[in-house]
Amino acid sequence: MRYFQCITFDDGDETFFAGRIGLGYNTEIDEHVLVHINYKEKNLETRSYELNCPKKHVNGEGWYQIDPPPRPVAPVQPTFVNGKIYCIVEPNLGPVSARCEIVAFDVMTEEFEVLQGPPCAHGVGHTTILEFYGTLCISYSGQSRNTVDLWMMKDAGIWFMEYHIVLDELSKKATPLAVDPTDGQILLNIGLSLGYYDPKTAAFETLIIADRIPDCPDDYEIYPIVCHESLVCLLQY
């Protein structure tokens, strides 16, 4: 694509790393799409909120407003699968739901829809949304049980638990990052370390342990990302 864009926001919301920036790709116009869902107001006591939702094409001119999603979104990094940007619904705002809900944004029609998530303990453990093998997945980690459940959405919105991971010691935010297509091992983020979990043997092999960063507080967190592609085209000479 051979372009570079420095993205700036003019709505006063600087919560870029709170997970409310969705990046998708519109195949009809051959352009990347950004959606920035942010809160104009929210009240956890009354569960009331008001959303703002600007959108832009990455190499386009500026942001323009679209109708916000029908549910509040949680501070969990969205994912893009098959033409739609998916976000986890915030369980502490808006209508009360007995199970996990998902908001999906179609980058072509610019319309939102609400989907039912898997039957995990909504709002209790650590939930992330991601893509494996071109399929929408929900990862739920329960620290009290030292487990990570990875759910995959099949046809007609039916969810199946694809992996049930049990570790001796588990970070409260343990998250699957990728599955090795050759042997099925799962790359896990365990707080300050990365490692491979073998679902056949239930063995975990630590690959990387992050060193403490000087002058950072003890409770700092690291967010590793698996990069499938880049918006920057590196030219070889």
Protein backbone atom coordinates (compact mmCIF):
# COMPACT_ATOMS: atom_id res chain seq x y z
CA MET A 1 0.00 0.00 0.00
CA ARG A 2 3.01 2.24 0.56
CA TYR A 3 1.52 4.88 2.83
CA PHE A 4 2.00 6.02 6.39
CA GLN A 5 -0.49 7.85 8.59
CA CYS A 6 -0.04 9.42 12.01
CA ILE A 7 -3.51 9.22 13.57
CA THR A 8 -4.66 12.11 15.77
CA PHE A 9 -7.96 12.66 17.59
CA ASP A 10 -9.86 15.91 18.00
CA ASP A 11 -12.54 14.74 20.47
CA GLY A 12 -10.50 15.15 23.67
CA ASP A 13 -10.48 11.40 24.40
CA GLU A 14 -6.90 10.16 24.68
CA THR A 15 -7.75 6.58 25.77
CA PHE A 16 -6.07 4.96 22.76
CA PHE A 17 -4.78 2.00 24.76
CA ALA A 18 -8.11 1.42 26.48
CA GLY A 19 -9.06 -0.78 23.56
CA ARG A 20 -11.69 1.35 21.88
CA ILE A 21 -9.83 1.85 18.59
CA GLY A 22 -11.08 -0.59 15.97
CA LEU A 23 -9.09 -1.14 12.75
CA GLY A 24 -10.76 -2.88 9.84
CA TYR A 25 -10.41 -3.19 6.08
CA ASN A 26 -13.00 -2.38 3.41
CA THR A 27 -12.31 -4.62 0.41
CA GLU A 28 -14.77 -2.74 -1.83
CA ILE A 29 -12.78 0.49 -1.70
CA ASP A 30 -9.40 -1.11 -0.83
CA GLU A 31 -8.85 1.01 2.30
CA HIS A 32 -8.28 0.53 6.01
CA VAL A 33 -10.99 1.87 8.30
CA LEU A 34 -10.69 3.28 11.82
CA VAL A 35 -13.55 3.48 14.34
CA HIS A 36 -12.94 5.38 17.59
CA ILE A 37 -15.65 4.57 20.16
CA ASN A 38 -15.37 6.83 23.21
CA TYR A 39 -17.52 8.00 26.11
CA LYS A 40 -19.00 11.47 26.40
CA GLU A 41 -20.28 10.43 29.84
CA LYS A 42 -20.79 7.32 31.95
CA ASN A 43 -22.10 6.57 35.44
CA LEU A 44 -21.38 3.16 36.96
CA GLU A 45 -23.92 3.69 39.73
CA THR A 46 -26.88 4.35 37.42
CA ARG A 47 -25.44 2.35 34.48
CA SER A 48 -26.16 5.33 32.22
CA TYR A 49 -23.77 6.39 29.47
CA GLU A 50 -23.46 8.33 26.21
CA LEU A 51 -21.17 7.27 23.38
CA ASN A 52 -19.40 9.17 20.65
CA CYS A 53 -18.35 7.31 17.50
CA PRO A 54 -16.21 9.01 14.84
CA LYS A 55 -14.91 7.01 11.86
CA LYS A 56 -12.37 7.62 9.13
CA HIS A 57 -10.51 5.94 6.32
CA VAL A 58 -6.85 5.67 7.27
CA ASN A 59 -5.61 7.62 4.24
CA GLY A 60 -8.73 9.79 4.06
CA GLU A 61 -9.23 13.39 5.09
CA GLY A 62 -10.75 13.53 8.56
CA TRP A 63 -13.10 11.96 11.07
CA TYR A 64 -16.86 11.99 10.60
CA GLN A 65 -19.59 10.96 13.02
CA ILE A 66 -21.63 7.79 12.65
CA ASP A 67 -24.36 6.37 14.87
CA PRO A 68 -22.76 4.85 17.99
CA PRO A 69 -23.18 1.15 18.86
CA PRO A 70 -26.36 0.09 20.70
CA ARG A 71 -24.31 -1.16 23.67
CA PRO A 72 -21.42 0.33 25.67
CA VAL A 73 -17.99 -1.11 24.86
CA ALA A 74 -15.43 -2.45 27.33
CA PRO A 75 -11.74 -1.44 27.50
CA VAL A 76 -10.73 -4.58 25.59
CA GLN A 77 -8.84 -4.38 22.30
CA PRO A 78 -11.28 -4.99 19.37
CA THR A 79 -10.53 -7.46 16.60
CA PHE A 80 -11.35 -7.60 12.89
CA VAL A 81 -12.74 -10.76 11.28
CA ASN A 82 -14.29 -11.18 7.82
CA GLY A 83 -15.36 -7.59 7.22
CA LYS A 84 -16.47 -6.73 10.75
CA ILE A 85 -14.86 -5.07 13.78
CA TYR A 86 -15.86 -6.85 17.00
CA CYS A 87 -15.89 -5.31 20.50
CA ILE A 88 -16.72 -6.76 23.92
CA VAL A 89 -19.74 -5.10 25.57
CA GLU A 90 -19.07 -3.37 28.91
CA PRO A 91 -21.01 -5.41 31.54
CA ASN A 92 -21.14 -2.55 34.09
CA LEU A 93 -23.08 -0.11 31.89
CA GLY A 94 -26.37 -0.20 30.02
CA PRO A 95 -28.81 -3.15 30.02
CA VAL A 96 -27.99 -6.06 32.33
CA SER A 97 -27.11 -9.26 30.47
CA ALA A 98 -26.73 -12.75 31.90
CA ARG A 99 -23.94 -13.62 29.46
CA CYS A 100 -21.18 -12.02 27.44
CA GLU A 101 -22.31 -9.77 24.58
CA ILE A 102 -20.43 -8.55 21.50
CA VAL A 103 -20.89 -5.50 19.29
CA ALA A 104 -20.06 -6.01 15.60
CA PHE A 105 -19.46 -3.16 13.14
CA ASP A 106 -19.76 -3.87 9.41
CA VAL A 107 -17.12 -1.71 7.68
CA MET A 108 -19.07 -1.69 4.39
CA THR A 109 -22.61 -0.92 5.61
CA GLU A 110 -21.41 1.15 8.63
CA GLU A 111 -24.00 -0.60 10.81
CA PHE A 112 -23.68 -2.10 14.30
CA GLU A 113 -25.31 -5.27 15.59
CA VAL A 114 -25.34 -7.04 18.97
CA LEU A 115 -24.34 -10.70 19.19
CA GLN A 116 -24.54 -13.15 22.05
CA GLY A 117 -21.16 -14.38 23.29
CA PRO A 118 -20.25 -17.73 24.81
CA PRO A 119 -21.68 -18.85 28.18
CA CYS A 120 -18.69 -17.72 30.24
CA ALA A 121 -18.90 -15.95 33.62
CA HIS A 122 -19.58 -12.46 32.29
CA GLY A 123 -17.74 -9.66 34.09
CA VAL A 124 -15.98 -11.97 36.58
CA GLY A 125 -12.72 -13.13 34.94
CA HIS A 126 -10.58 -11.56 32.23
CA THR A 127 -12.16 -11.60 28.76
CA THR A 128 -10.50 -10.82 25.44
CA ILE A 129 -11.70 -11.01 21.85
CA LEU A 130 -9.45 -12.22 19.05
CA GLU A 131 -9.20 -14.02 15.71
CA PHE A 132 -7.81 -17.52 15.14
CA TYR A 133 -7.83 -19.22 11.73
CA GLY A 134 -10.19 -16.56 10.38
CA THR A 135 -12.73 -17.26 13.14
CA LEU A 136 -14.01 -14.99 15.90
CA CYS A 137 -12.87 -16.18 19.33
CA ILE A 138 -13.42 -15.23 22.97
CA SER A 139 -10.78 -16.00 25.58
CA TYR A 140 -11.86 -16.17 29.22
CA SER A 141 -9.35 -16.65 32.04
CA GLY A 142 -10.48 -17.53 35.55
CA GLN A 143 -7.70 -17.00 38.06
CA SER A 144 -9.53 -18.85 40.84
CA ARG A 145 -9.37 -22.05 38.74
CA ASN A 146 -6.06 -21.33 36.95
CA THR A 147 -7.77 -21.94 33.61
CA VAL A 148 -8.16 -20.28 30.23
CA ASP A 149 -11.12 -21.20 28.03
CA LEU A 150 -10.92 -20.35 24.33
CA TRP A 151 -14.31 -20.26 22.62
CA MET A 152 -14.77 -20.20 18.83
CA MET A 153 -17.91 -19.01 17.05
CA LYS A 154 -19.03 -21.46 14.40
CA ASP A 155 -21.87 -21.16 11.89
CA ALA A 156 -25.13 -19.45 12.91
CA GLY A 157 -23.52 -17.82 15.94
CA ILE A 158 -23.01 -21.10 17.84
CA TRP A 159 -20.07 -21.14 20.26
CA PHE A 160 -17.81 -24.12 20.97
CA MET A 161 -15.07 -24.35 23.59
CA GLU A 162 -12.07 -25.17 21.39
CA TYR A 163 -9.43 -25.21 24.14
CA HIS A 164 -9.49 -25.57 27.93
CA ILE A 165 -6.07 -24.65 29.31
CA VAL A 166 -5.05 -25.52 32.87
CA LEU A 167 -1.85 -24.11 34.40
CA ASP A 168 -0.32 -24.51 37.84
CA GLU A 169 -0.02 -20.75 38.23
CA LEU A 170 -1.95 -18.28 36.12
CA SER A 171 -1.89 -14.51 35.71
CA LYS A 172 -5.32 -12.92 36.10
CA LYS A 173 -4.96 -11.62 32.54
CA ALA A 174 -3.59 -14.71 30.80
CA THR A 175 -4.41 -14.45 27.11
CA PRO A 176 -3.90 -16.72 24.08
CA LEU A 177 -2.11 -14.85 21.28
CA ALA A 178 -1.77 -17.42 18.50
CA VAL A 179 -1.93 -21.12 17.63
CA ASP A 180 1.01 -22.74 15.85
CA PRO A 181 -0.47 -24.29 12.67
CA THR A 182 2.21 -26.99 12.55
CA ASP A 183 1.81 -28.62 15.98
CA GLY A 184 -1.19 -26.87 17.57
CA GLN A 185 0.75 -25.32 20.45
CA ILE A 186 -0.81 -22.15 21.86
CA LEU A 187 1.22 -18.99 22.46
CA LEU A 188 0.12 -17.57 25.81
CA ASN A 189 0.70 -14.17 27.40
CA ILE A 190 1.07 -14.79 31.16
CA GLY A 191 1.54 -11.28 32.48
CA LEU A 192 5.30 -10.67 32.32
CA SER A 193 6.13 -13.82 30.36
CA LEU A 194 5.30 -15.56 27.10
CA GLY A 195 5.23 -19.27 26.53
CA TYR A 196 3.85 -22.20 24.56
CA TYR A 197 1.10 -24.42 25.96
CA ASP A 198 0.82 -27.90 24.46
CA PRO A 199 -2.85 -29.01 24.58
CA LYS A 200 -1.82 -32.65 24.01
CA THR A 201 0.46 -32.90 27.06
CA ALA A 202 -0.80 -29.89 29.11
CA ALA A 203 2.85 -28.78 29.37
CA PHE A 204 3.83 -25.11 29.40
CA GLU A 205 7.21 -23.92 28.12
CA THR A 206 8.29 -20.39 29.04
CA LEU A 207 9.89 -18.57 26.12
CA ILE A 208 10.41 -15.01 27.36
CA ILE A 209 10.36 -13.39 30.79
CA ALA A 210 10.23 -9.60 30.69
CA ASP A 211 12.85 -7.77 32.74
CA ARG A 212 11.73 -5.10 35.14
CA ILE A 213 11.85 -1.67 33.54
CA PRO A 214 13.74 0.90 35.68
CA ASP A 215 11.67 3.69 37.27
CA CYS A 216 8.37 1.93 36.42
CA PRO A 217 5.85 1.09 39.14
CA ASP A 218 5.68 -2.51 40.36
CA ASP A 219 2.18 -3.00 38.92
CA TYR A 220 3.02 -2.02 35.34
CA GLU A 221 1.76 -4.26 32.56
CA ILE A 222 3.12 -5.36 29.19
CA TYR A 223 0.84 -5.89 26.18
CA PRO A 224 2.47 -8.15 23.55
CA ILE A 225 0.86 -8.15 20.11
CA VAL A 226 1.10 -10.69 17.30
CA CYS A 227 1.60 -8.66 14.13
CA HIS A 228 0.09 -10.27 11.02
CA GLU A 229 0.69 -7.30 8.74
CA SER A 230 1.64 -3.64 8.82
CA LEU A 231 0.22 -0.45 7.43
CA VAL A 232 3.79 0.58 6.63
CA CYS A 233 5.36 -0.83 3.48
CA LEU A 234 9.12 -1.29 3.91
CA LEU A 235 10.94 -0.86 0.60
CA GLN A 236 14.07 -2.85 -0.23
CA TYR A 237 16.86 -1.20 -2.19
